[in-house]
Amino acid sequence: MIKTLIRLKILKFLLISGVSATYAFKKYCGQKNKEKVKKDNKQLPLTR
């Protein structure tokens, strides 16, 4: 029974850390994409 509890706690820890790592990675990529869009927008010349 103790082994089962330890396994469940380890599984819970792995799931939580995986979700938080995915969130951090997604947030980091989102920031890089925003910076890229800002750079692309600044390079467009104004023509009238």
N, C-alpha and C. Protein backbone atom coordinates (compact mmCIF):
# COMPACT_ATOMS: atom_id res chain seq x y z
N MET A 1 0.82 -1.19 0.00
CA MET A 1 0.00 0.00 0.00
C MET A 1 0.87 1.26 0.00
N ILE A 2 1.95 1.25 0.73
CA ILE A 2 2.84 2.41 0.79
C ILE A 2 3.50 2.62 -0.57
N LYS A 3 3.88 1.52 -1.24
CA LYS A 3 4.48 1.65 -2.58
C LYS A 3 3.50 2.28 -3.55
N THR A 4 2.24 1.91 -3.44
CA THR A 4 1.22 2.47 -4.32
C THR A 4 1.06 3.97 -4.08
N LEU A 5 1.06 4.38 -2.82
CA LEU A 5 0.95 5.81 -2.50
C LEU A 5 2.14 6.59 -3.03
N ILE A 6 3.34 6.02 -2.89
CA ILE A 6 4.53 6.68 -3.39
C ILE A 6 4.46 6.82 -4.91
N ARG A 7 4.03 5.77 -5.58
CA ARG A 7 3.89 5.81 -7.04
C ARG A 7 2.87 6.86 -7.47
N LEU A 8 1.77 6.95 -6.75
CA LEU A 8 0.75 7.95 -7.09
C LEU A 8 1.27 9.37 -6.88
N LYS A 9 2.03 9.58 -5.82
CA LYS A 9 2.60 10.90 -5.57
C LYS A 9 3.61 11.27 -6.64
N ILE A 10 4.42 10.30 -7.07
CA ILE A 10 5.38 10.55 -8.14
C ILE A 10 4.65 10.87 -9.44
N LEU A 11 3.61 10.12 -9.74
CA LEU A 11 2.83 10.36 -10.94
C LEU A 11 2.18 11.74 -10.90
N LYS A 12 1.65 12.13 -9.76
CA LYS A 12 1.05 13.45 -9.59
C LYS A 12 2.09 14.54 -9.81
N PHE A 13 3.28 14.36 -9.24
CA PHE A 13 4.36 15.33 -9.41
C PHE A 13 4.75 15.45 -10.88
N LEU A 14 4.86 14.33 -11.58
CA LEU A 14 5.23 14.34 -12.99
C LEU A 14 4.17 15.05 -13.83
N LEU A 15 2.91 14.81 -13.55
CA LEU A 15 1.83 15.46 -14.30
C LEU A 15 1.83 16.97 -14.08
N ILE A 16 1.97 17.40 -12.84
CA ILE A 16 1.97 18.83 -12.53
C ILE A 16 3.19 19.51 -13.15
N SER A 17 4.35 18.89 -13.04
CA SER A 17 5.55 19.50 -13.62
C SER A 17 5.47 19.54 -15.14
N GLY A 18 4.87 18.52 -15.75
CA GLY A 18 4.71 18.51 -17.20
C GLY A 18 3.77 19.60 -17.68
N VAL A 19 2.69 19.80 -16.96
CA VAL A 19 1.74 20.86 -17.33
C VAL A 19 2.37 22.23 -17.15
N SER A 20 3.09 22.43 -16.07
CA SER A 20 3.71 23.73 -15.84
C SER A 20 4.82 24.00 -16.86
N ALA A 21 5.56 22.98 -17.24
CA ALA A 21 6.60 23.14 -18.25
C ALA A 21 5.98 23.48 -19.60
N THR A 22 4.88 22.85 -19.94
CA THR A 22 4.19 23.14 -21.19
C THR A 22 3.67 24.56 -21.20
N TYR A 23 3.12 25.01 -20.09
CA TYR A 23 2.62 26.38 -20.00
C TYR A 23 3.75 27.39 -20.17
N ALA A 24 4.88 27.14 -19.50
CA ALA A 24 6.02 28.05 -19.59
C ALA A 24 6.56 28.09 -21.02
N PHE A 25 6.65 26.94 -21.66
CA PHE A 25 7.15 26.88 -23.03
C PHE A 25 6.22 27.62 -23.99
N LYS A 26 4.92 27.44 -23.80
CA LYS A 26 3.94 28.12 -24.65
C LYS A 26 4.01 29.64 -24.45
N LYS A 27 4.15 30.07 -23.20
CA LYS A 27 4.25 31.50 -22.92
C LYS A 27 5.52 32.09 -23.53
N TYR A 28 6.63 31.36 -23.43
CA TYR A 28 7.90 31.82 -24.00
C TYR A 28 7.80 31.95 -25.51
N CYS A 29 7.21 30.97 -26.17
CA CYS A 29 7.05 31.02 -27.63
C CYS A 29 6.11 32.14 -28.03
N GLY A 30 5.08 32.39 -27.25
CA GLY A 30 4.15 33.47 -27.53
C GLY A 30 4.83 34.82 -27.48
N GLN A 31 5.73 35.01 -26.53
CA GLN A 31 6.46 36.27 -26.42
C GLN A 31 7.39 36.45 -27.62
N LYS A 32 8.05 35.38 -28.05
CA LYS A 32 8.95 35.47 -29.21
C LYS A 32 8.15 35.81 -30.47
N ASN A 33 6.96 35.23 -30.61
CA ASN A 33 6.14 35.50 -31.78
C ASN A 33 5.67 36.96 -31.79
N LYS A 34 5.32 37.50 -30.62
CA LYS A 34 4.89 38.89 -30.53
C LYS A 34 6.02 39.83 -30.94
N GLU A 35 7.24 39.53 -30.48
CA GLU A 35 8.39 40.36 -30.83
C GLU A 35 8.65 40.30 -32.33
N LYS A 36 8.49 39.13 -32.91
CA LYS A 36 8.72 38.96 -34.35
C LYS A 36 7.70 39.76 -35.14
N VAL A 37 6.45 39.74 -34.71
CA VAL A 37 5.40 40.49 -35.40
C VAL A 37 5.67 41.98 -35.31
N LYS A 38 6.12 42.45 -34.14
CA LYS A 38 6.42 43.87 -33.97
C LYS A 38 7.55 44.29 -34.90
N LYS A 39 8.58 43.47 -35.03
CA LYS A 39 9.70 43.79 -35.91
C LYS A 39 9.25 43.83 -37.36
N ASP A 40 8.41 42.89 -37.76
CA ASP A 40 7.91 42.85 -39.13
C ASP A 40 7.06 44.08 -39.44
N ASN A 41 6.26 44.51 -38.50
CA ASN A 41 5.40 45.66 -38.71
C ASN A 41 6.19 46.95 -38.85
N LYS A 42 7.30 47.09 -38.15
CA LYS A 42 8.10 48.31 -38.19
C LYS A 42 8.81 48.47 -39.53
N GLN A 43 9.09 47.39 -40.22
CA GLN A 43 9.86 47.44 -41.45
C GLN A 43 9.02 47.82 -42.66
N LEU A 44 7.72 47.85 -42.54
CA LEU A 44 6.88 48.17 -43.68
C LEU A 44 6.93 49.68 -43.97
N PRO A 45 7.25 50.06 -45.21
CA PRO A 45 7.31 51.50 -45.56
C PRO A 45 5.90 52.05 -45.76
N LEU A 46 5.75 53.32 -45.45
CA LEU A 46 4.46 53.99 -45.67
C LEU A 46 4.44 54.58 -47.08
N THR A 47 3.48 54.17 -47.87
CA THR A 47 3.36 54.70 -49.24
C THR A 47 1.96 55.23 -49.44
N ARG A 48 1.88 56.43 -50.03
CA ARG A 48 0.57 57.01 -50.33
C ARG A 48 0.61 57.68 -51.67
